[in-house]
Amino acid sequence: MITNISLLSLWVKDIDESKAFYTDVLGFEVGDDLQLGPDFRWCTIYHPKQPEIHLHLTTPSGPLPDYLIEAMNRAQSEGGLPGIGMDVDDCRATYEDLRSRGVEFLQEPEERPYGVEALMRDNSGNWMVLVEKREFTPEDFEGVDLS
């Protein structure tokens, strides 16, 4: 039986730059960083409060076919790849802190039925959501425009 999720891959433009962004700016830790042959690097990071889930930082490359690598590189350049969602204890304070560190935000913190949410990009263009959660019911969404 499946017991948990332990690894998610995140497409990045440059593994070293992304590793630095996630560790130096967002406070993640390095898991593994191994060169496995001439063309493949296995690099993972994790949040110290959730060490059982690693993010695999990887670039669009072989064994993917060339057409898919090209498409993914275009999507990255256009900021069209989704990244991850992260819980925060204070969305507005986290927004101010990360903005002062040069993080690009697509949306300032906004009140939502489920909490306070801000939308940012990592240094590879992946969009990421920060959410300060609160209790909600389905009725809290009635008549709400989330666009």
Protein backbone atom coordinates (compact mmCIF):
# COMPACT_ATOMS: atom_id res chain seq x y z
CA MET A 1 0.00 0.00 0.00
CA ILE A 2 1.09 3.57 -0.63
CA THR A 3 1.96 5.20 2.69
CA ASN A 4 2.91 8.77 1.72
CA ILE A 5 4.35 11.12 -0.89
CA SER A 6 8.10 11.43 -0.56
CA LEU A 7 9.30 13.11 -3.76
CA LEU A 8 8.03 15.68 -6.26
CA SER A 9 9.96 16.95 -9.27
CA LEU A 10 10.22 20.67 -9.98
CA TRP A 11 11.40 21.84 -13.41
CA VAL A 12 14.07 24.51 -13.13
CA LYS A 13 16.31 26.38 -15.57
CA ASP A 14 19.55 25.94 -13.63
CA ILE A 15 19.97 23.48 -10.76
CA ASP A 16 22.68 25.46 -8.93
CA GLU A 17 20.77 28.75 -9.12
CA SER A 18 17.53 27.08 -8.04
CA LYS A 19 19.22 25.25 -5.18
CA ALA A 20 20.60 28.60 -3.96
CA PHE A 21 17.17 30.28 -4.31
CA TYR A 22 15.34 27.59 -2.36
CA THR A 23 17.99 27.28 0.37
CA ASP A 24 19.23 30.88 0.72
CA VAL A 25 15.96 32.73 0.08
CA LEU A 26 13.21 30.30 1.10
CA GLY A 27 15.00 28.41 3.89
CA PHE A 28 14.97 24.89 2.46
CA GLU A 29 17.75 22.36 3.14
CA VAL A 30 19.76 20.32 0.65
CA GLY A 31 18.86 16.65 0.58
CA ASP A 32 20.94 14.87 -2.06
CA ASP A 33 23.21 16.40 -4.65
CA LEU A 34 24.85 13.75 -6.79
CA GLN A 35 26.23 13.66 -10.30
CA LEU A 36 25.03 10.34 -11.71
CA GLY A 37 26.89 10.02 -14.98
CA PRO A 38 27.93 12.78 -17.34
CA ASP A 39 24.40 13.99 -18.16
CA PHE A 40 22.32 13.49 -15.05
CA ARG A 41 22.34 15.24 -11.69
CA TRP A 42 20.15 14.19 -8.78
CA CYS A 43 19.55 17.21 -6.54
CA THR A 44 16.83 17.36 -3.90
CA ILE A 45 15.82 19.93 -1.33
CA TYR A 46 13.34 19.79 1.53
CA HIS A 47 11.77 22.09 4.09
CA PRO A 48 13.21 21.51 7.58
CA LYS A 49 9.70 21.13 9.04
CA GLN A 50 8.82 18.49 6.46
CA PRO A 51 11.98 16.44 5.80
CA GLU A 52 10.02 13.46 4.53
CA ILE A 53 9.05 15.31 1.31
CA HIS A 54 11.87 16.14 -1.08
CA LEU A 55 11.67 18.37 -4.15
CA HIS A 56 13.78 17.07 -7.01
CA LEU A 57 15.26 20.03 -8.89
CA THR A 58 15.64 18.98 -12.51
CA THR A 59 16.07 20.60 -15.90
CA PRO A 60 14.12 19.65 -19.01
CA SER A 61 16.62 17.28 -20.62
CA GLY A 62 17.09 13.70 -21.79
CA PRO A 63 15.65 11.17 -21.73
CA LEU A 64 12.77 13.49 -22.70
CA PRO A 65 12.43 13.91 -26.47
CA ASP A 66 13.77 17.14 -27.98
CA TYR A 67 10.31 18.48 -28.86
CA LEU A 68 9.19 18.16 -25.24
CA ILE A 69 12.40 19.75 -23.91
CA GLU A 70 11.85 22.70 -26.28
CA ALA A 71 8.21 23.04 -25.20
CA MET A 72 9.11 22.94 -21.53
CA ASN A 73 11.87 25.51 -22.01
CA ARG A 74 9.35 27.80 -23.74
CA ALA A 75 6.85 27.30 -20.92
CA GLN A 76 9.54 28.15 -18.36
CA SER A 77 10.56 31.30 -20.25
CA GLU A 78 6.92 32.40 -20.35
CA GLY A 79 6.38 31.63 -16.66
CA GLY A 80 3.80 29.01 -17.52
CA LEU A 81 4.85 26.11 -15.33
CA PRO A 82 3.18 25.61 -11.96
CA GLY A 83 5.36 25.00 -8.96
CA ILE A 84 4.30 24.31 -5.41
CA GLY A 85 2.00 25.61 -2.72
CA MET A 86 3.43 26.48 0.67
CA ASP A 87 1.73 27.12 3.98
CA VAL A 88 2.84 30.21 5.91
CA ASP A 89 1.92 31.40 9.38
CA ASP A 90 1.67 35.08 8.33
CA CYS A 91 1.22 35.67 4.60
CA ARG A 92 1.64 39.45 4.72
CA ALA A 93 4.87 39.29 6.74
CA THR A 94 6.24 36.50 4.51
CA TYR A 95 5.35 38.54 1.44
CA GLU A 96 7.21 41.60 2.78
CA ASP A 97 10.25 39.52 3.76
CA LEU A 98 10.51 37.70 0.43
CA ARG A 99 9.80 40.84 -1.59
CA SER A 100 12.67 42.57 0.22
CA ARG A 101 14.89 39.65 -0.88
CA GLY A 102 14.00 40.28 -4.53
CA VAL A 103 11.34 37.59 -5.00
CA GLU A 104 8.93 38.40 -7.84
CA PHE A 105 5.28 38.45 -6.80
CA LEU A 106 2.38 38.12 -9.19
CA GLN A 107 -0.24 38.86 -6.54
CA GLU A 108 0.03 40.66 -3.23
CA PRO A 109 -1.59 38.99 -0.21
CA GLU A 110 -5.35 38.85 -0.63
CA GLU A 111 -8.14 37.63 1.59
CA ARG A 112 -9.76 34.43 0.37
CA PRO A 113 -12.44 32.24 1.97
CA TYR A 114 -9.72 29.73 2.89
CA GLY A 115 -7.19 32.28 4.21
CA VAL A 116 -4.73 34.87 2.95
CA GLU A 117 -2.99 34.06 -0.33
CA ALA A 118 -0.08 35.53 -2.32
CA LEU A 119 1.30 34.35 -5.65
CA MET A 120 5.02 34.47 -6.46
CA ARG A 121 7.55 33.07 -8.92
CA ASP A 122 10.73 31.19 -8.19
CA ASN A 123 13.90 32.07 -10.08
CA SER A 124 12.98 29.64 -12.88
CA GLY A 125 9.60 31.27 -13.49
CA ASN A 126 7.50 28.61 -11.73
CA TRP A 127 4.53 30.15 -10.00
CA MET A 128 4.06 29.34 -6.35
CA VAL A 129 1.30 30.07 -3.91
CA LEU A 130 1.74 31.08 -0.27
CA VAL A 131 -1.31 30.46 1.90
CA GLU A 132 -2.04 31.43 5.49
CA LYS A 133 -4.84 28.93 6.04
CA ARG A 134 -8.00 29.34 8.07
CA GLU A 135 -11.02 27.16 8.66
CA PHE A 136 -13.70 27.38 5.99
CA THR A 137 -16.90 25.74 4.85
CA PRO A 138 -18.27 25.32 1.31
CA GLU A 139 -20.75 28.11 2.09
CA ASP A 140 -17.83 30.55 2.49
CA PHE A 141 -17.31 30.34 -1.29
CA GLU A 142 -20.86 31.25 -2.29
CA GLY A 143 -20.84 34.35 -4.48
CA VAL A 144 -17.04 34.73 -4.27
CA ASP A 145 -15.14 35.64 -7.45
CA LEU A 146 -11.69 34.00 -7.23
CA SER A 147 -10.50 35.13 -10.67
